[in-house]
Amino acid sequence: MSAPAAVCAIALESAGVRLEPLAEDHRVGLRQAGQSPEIWAYMPYAARGRGFDAWFDHSLAAAASGAEAVWAVRASAEGPLVGSTRFLAIEAAHRRLEIGSTWYAPDAWGTRVNPACKLALMRYALEDLGFNRVEYKTDIRNERSQAAIAKLGALREGVFRAHMVRSDGTLRDSVYFSVIASEWPAVRARLAARLVEAV
């Protein structure tokens, strides 16, 4: 079995939502999109206020090194930036990666933005790059995120206890989900149908 193709961020589109490889030009727009404190309630960092530039610089560096593939997200091709997402925990030898560090401005919550992004990203990972497994994880307290991941068609696998440290210093249990290649056709069809309904 050949190794997956090299992972890098490329421009992706789905249902009018556009994902652009993270670049310096996105700094101002993402700073604006990430101002709401509620975005960061369950994240292990807060990329707002004084924390924004450190997050942005780290994200640029991770993308430049090839450790991660990072995108800025627009709700429409010419619209304002609404958030960011990425491939991380990339294990090419084992044909798996994680889609995560995803955040959106509250105005994008519950819209077509998240399913459109996930359709584009999973299609890229599982079809174009040849990966076998896509993982998702979220804070056990973040019921909204767990519901959104399950609605994508990902399978809930279990809980990693005391897995991360939250920005307030408390220990976080992480809930893991996944989609594997054999499940992808059904997941893809389900997501595509959701996006047709959302138009």
Protein backbone atom coordinates (compact mmCIF):
# COMPACT_ATOMS: atom_id res chain seq x y z
CA MET A 1 0.00 0.00 0.00
CA SER A 2 1.54 3.31 -1.06
CA ALA A 3 1.94 6.18 1.37
CA PRO A 4 -0.56 9.06 1.21
CA ALA A 5 0.31 12.10 -0.84
CA ALA A 6 2.15 14.94 0.89
CA VAL A 7 -0.16 17.03 3.04
CA CYS A 8 -0.42 20.74 2.35
CA ALA A 9 -3.21 23.30 2.43
CA ILE A 10 -4.74 24.10 -0.94
CA ALA A 11 -7.76 26.24 -1.74
CA LEU A 12 -10.96 24.23 -1.24
CA GLU A 13 -14.61 25.06 -1.88
CA SER A 14 -17.88 23.42 -0.91
CA ALA A 15 -21.44 24.77 -1.07
CA GLY A 16 -20.10 28.28 -1.58
CA VAL A 17 -17.84 28.11 1.47
CA ARG A 18 -14.18 28.79 0.70
CA LEU A 19 -11.13 27.51 2.57
CA GLU A 20 -7.90 29.39 1.86
CA PRO A 21 -4.39 28.33 2.92
CA LEU A 22 -3.50 30.51 5.91
CA ALA A 23 -1.43 33.55 4.96
CA GLU A 24 -0.39 36.85 6.53
CA ASP A 25 -3.19 38.56 4.60
CA HIS A 26 -5.69 36.74 6.84
CA ARG A 27 -4.42 38.22 10.12
CA VAL A 28 -6.74 41.24 10.31
CA GLY A 29 -9.86 39.37 9.20
CA LEU A 30 -9.33 36.45 11.58
CA ARG A 31 -8.60 38.81 14.46
CA GLN A 32 -12.00 40.38 13.82
CA ALA A 33 -13.77 37.03 13.45
CA GLY A 34 -12.34 35.66 16.70
CA GLN A 35 -13.27 38.45 19.10
CA SER A 36 -16.18 36.74 20.86
CA PRO A 37 -15.18 35.08 24.17
CA GLU A 38 -17.73 32.30 23.69
CA ILE A 39 -15.70 30.91 20.78
CA TRP A 40 -12.89 29.96 23.15
CA ALA A 41 -14.87 28.61 26.12
CA TYR A 42 -13.78 24.99 25.52
CA MET A 43 -10.52 25.51 23.65
CA PRO A 44 -7.09 24.93 25.24
CA TYR A 45 -6.15 28.48 24.16
CA ALA A 46 -7.91 31.79 23.53
CA ALA A 47 -6.91 33.35 20.21
CA ARG A 48 -8.43 36.71 20.96
CA GLY A 49 -7.14 39.98 22.37
CA ARG A 50 -3.52 39.61 23.43
CA GLY A 51 -3.59 35.92 22.58
CA PHE A 52 -4.45 36.34 18.93
CA ASP A 53 -1.04 37.15 17.45
CA ALA A 54 0.64 34.28 19.29
CA TRP A 55 -1.98 31.88 17.92
CA PHE A 56 -1.70 33.29 14.40
CA ASP A 57 2.11 33.24 14.36
CA HIS A 58 2.17 29.68 15.70
CA SER A 59 -0.35 28.64 13.04
CA LEU A 60 1.73 30.19 10.25
CA ALA A 61 4.84 28.45 11.56
CA ALA A 62 3.10 25.07 11.84
CA ALA A 63 1.89 25.40 8.26
CA ALA A 64 5.30 26.50 6.96
CA SER A 65 7.03 23.55 8.63
CA GLY A 66 4.58 21.05 7.17
CA ALA A 67 3.52 19.87 10.63
CA GLU A 68 -0.03 21.05 10.00
CA ALA A 69 -2.15 22.26 7.09
CA VAL A 70 -4.04 25.39 8.14
CA TRP A 71 -6.94 27.19 6.48
CA ALA A 72 -8.83 30.44 6.90
CA VAL A 73 -12.55 30.07 6.21
CA ARG A 74 -14.94 32.35 4.33
CA ALA A 75 -18.70 31.75 4.33
CA SER A 76 -18.72 32.83 0.68
CA ALA A 77 -16.01 33.24 -1.93
CA GLU A 78 -15.79 37.01 -1.55
CA GLY A 79 -17.20 37.30 1.97
CA PRO A 80 -15.46 38.10 5.24
CA LEU A 81 -13.44 35.54 7.16
CA VAL A 82 -15.49 33.58 9.69
CA GLY A 83 -12.92 31.24 11.25
CA SER A 84 -10.15 28.72 10.82
CA THR A 85 -9.59 24.96 10.70
CA ARG A 86 -6.69 22.59 10.03
CA PHE A 87 -5.23 19.13 9.57
CA LEU A 88 -3.10 18.22 12.58
CA ALA A 89 -1.71 15.08 14.24
CA ILE A 90 -0.76 13.97 10.73
CA GLU A 91 0.57 10.40 10.74
CA ALA A 92 1.23 9.60 7.10
CA ALA A 93 2.80 6.21 7.88
CA HIS A 94 -0.44 5.14 9.55
CA ARG A 95 -2.67 6.96 7.03
CA ARG A 96 -4.49 9.03 9.63
CA LEU A 97 -4.90 12.68 10.52
CA GLU A 98 -7.10 14.88 12.65
CA ILE A 99 -9.36 17.69 11.53
CA GLY A 100 -9.44 20.16 14.37
CA SER A 101 -8.48 23.43 16.02
CA THR A 102 -11.65 24.57 14.29
CA TRP A 103 -13.37 27.76 15.34
CA TYR A 104 -15.98 30.01 13.81
CA ALA A 105 -17.51 33.37 14.67
CA PRO A 106 -20.87 32.79 16.41
CA ASP A 107 -22.78 34.10 13.37
CA ALA A 108 -21.53 31.02 11.48
CA TRP A 109 -22.69 28.51 14.11
CA GLY A 110 -25.52 26.28 12.96
CA THR A 111 -25.14 27.34 9.32
CA ARG A 112 -23.83 25.45 6.29
CA VAL A 113 -20.27 26.59 7.10
CA ASN A 114 -19.21 23.65 9.28
CA PRO A 115 -20.69 20.81 7.20
CA ALA A 116 -19.38 22.43 4.01
CA CYS A 117 -15.88 22.73 5.49
CA LYS A 118 -15.89 19.16 6.75
CA LEU A 119 -17.12 17.82 3.41
CA ALA A 120 -14.29 19.63 1.61
CA LEU A 121 -11.64 18.59 4.14
CA MET A 122 -12.65 14.92 4.37
CA ARG A 123 -12.93 14.67 0.58
CA TYR A 124 -9.41 16.09 0.30
CA ALA A 125 -7.99 13.80 3.00
CA LEU A 126 -9.72 10.55 2.08
CA GLU A 127 -10.01 10.88 -1.70
CA ASP A 128 -7.23 13.14 -2.92
CA LEU A 129 -4.52 12.44 -0.35
CA GLY A 130 -5.34 8.77 0.23
CA PHE A 131 -5.68 8.76 4.02
CA ASN A 132 -7.65 5.97 5.69
CA ARG A 133 -8.85 7.66 8.88
CA VAL A 134 -9.95 11.15 9.88
CA GLU A 135 -10.18 11.91 13.59
CA TYR A 136 -12.05 14.56 15.56
CA LYS A 137 -11.79 15.36 19.25
CA THR A 138 -13.56 17.80 21.53
CA ASP A 139 -13.95 18.76 25.18
CA ILE A 140 -16.33 16.42 27.00
CA ARG A 141 -18.15 19.50 28.32
CA ASN A 142 -18.73 20.86 24.82
CA GLU A 143 -22.03 19.21 24.00
CA ARG A 144 -22.68 21.52 21.03
CA SER A 145 -19.43 20.42 19.38
CA GLN A 146 -20.10 16.74 20.09
CA ALA A 147 -23.54 17.02 18.50
CA ALA A 148 -22.09 18.78 15.46
CA ILE A 149 -19.41 16.11 14.96
CA ALA A 150 -21.93 13.28 15.35
CA LYS A 151 -24.22 15.00 12.85
CA LEU A 152 -21.40 14.87 10.30
CA GLY A 153 -21.63 11.08 10.46
CA ALA A 154 -18.49 10.51 12.54
CA LEU A 155 -18.50 7.59 14.98
CA ARG A 156 -18.02 8.36 18.68
CA GLU A 157 -15.19 6.10 19.85
CA GLY A 158 -14.59 6.99 23.47
CA VAL A 159 -13.07 9.34 26.02
CA PHE A 160 -9.40 10.11 26.68
CA ARG A 161 -9.34 11.04 30.36
CA ALA A 162 -7.27 14.00 31.62
CA HIS A 163 -6.14 14.38 28.04
CA MET A 164 -5.43 18.11 27.81
CA VAL A 165 -5.08 21.19 29.98
CA ARG A 166 -7.64 23.92 29.42
CA SER A 167 -6.64 27.58 29.26
CA ASP A 168 -7.90 27.97 32.85
CA GLY A 169 -5.58 25.19 34.06
CA THR A 170 -8.26 22.52 34.59
CA LEU A 171 -7.87 19.06 33.11
CA ARG A 172 -9.95 18.24 30.06
CA ASP A 173 -11.35 14.87 29.07
CA SER A 174 -11.47 14.62 25.26
CA VAL A 175 -14.17 12.77 23.31
CA TYR A 176 -12.84 11.12 20.14
CA PHE A 177 -14.74 10.52 16.91
CA SER A 178 -13.63 9.19 13.53
CA VAL A 179 -14.58 8.56 9.92
CA ILE A 180 -12.71 5.80 8.09
CA ALA A 181 -12.36 5.32 4.34
CA SER A 182 -14.91 2.50 4.09
CA GLU A 183 -17.53 4.73 5.73
CA TRP A 184 -16.75 7.77 3.64
CA PRO A 185 -19.15 7.22 0.70
CA ALA A 186 -22.16 7.11 3.04
CA VAL A 187 -20.88 10.05 5.12
CA ARG A 188 -20.20 12.05 1.95
CA ALA A 189 -23.72 11.42 0.61
CA ARG A 190 -25.26 12.42 3.93
CA LEU A 191 -23.27 15.66 4.07
CA ALA A 192 -24.05 16.50 0.46
CA ALA A 193 -27.77 16.03 1.14
CA ARG A 194 -27.58 18.30 4.19
CA LEU A 195 -25.95 21.02 2.14
CA VAL A 196 -28.60 20.79 -0.60
CA GLU A 197 -31.27 21.20 2.07
CA ALA A 198 -29.41 24.20 3.54
CA VAL A 199 -29.41 26.15 0.25
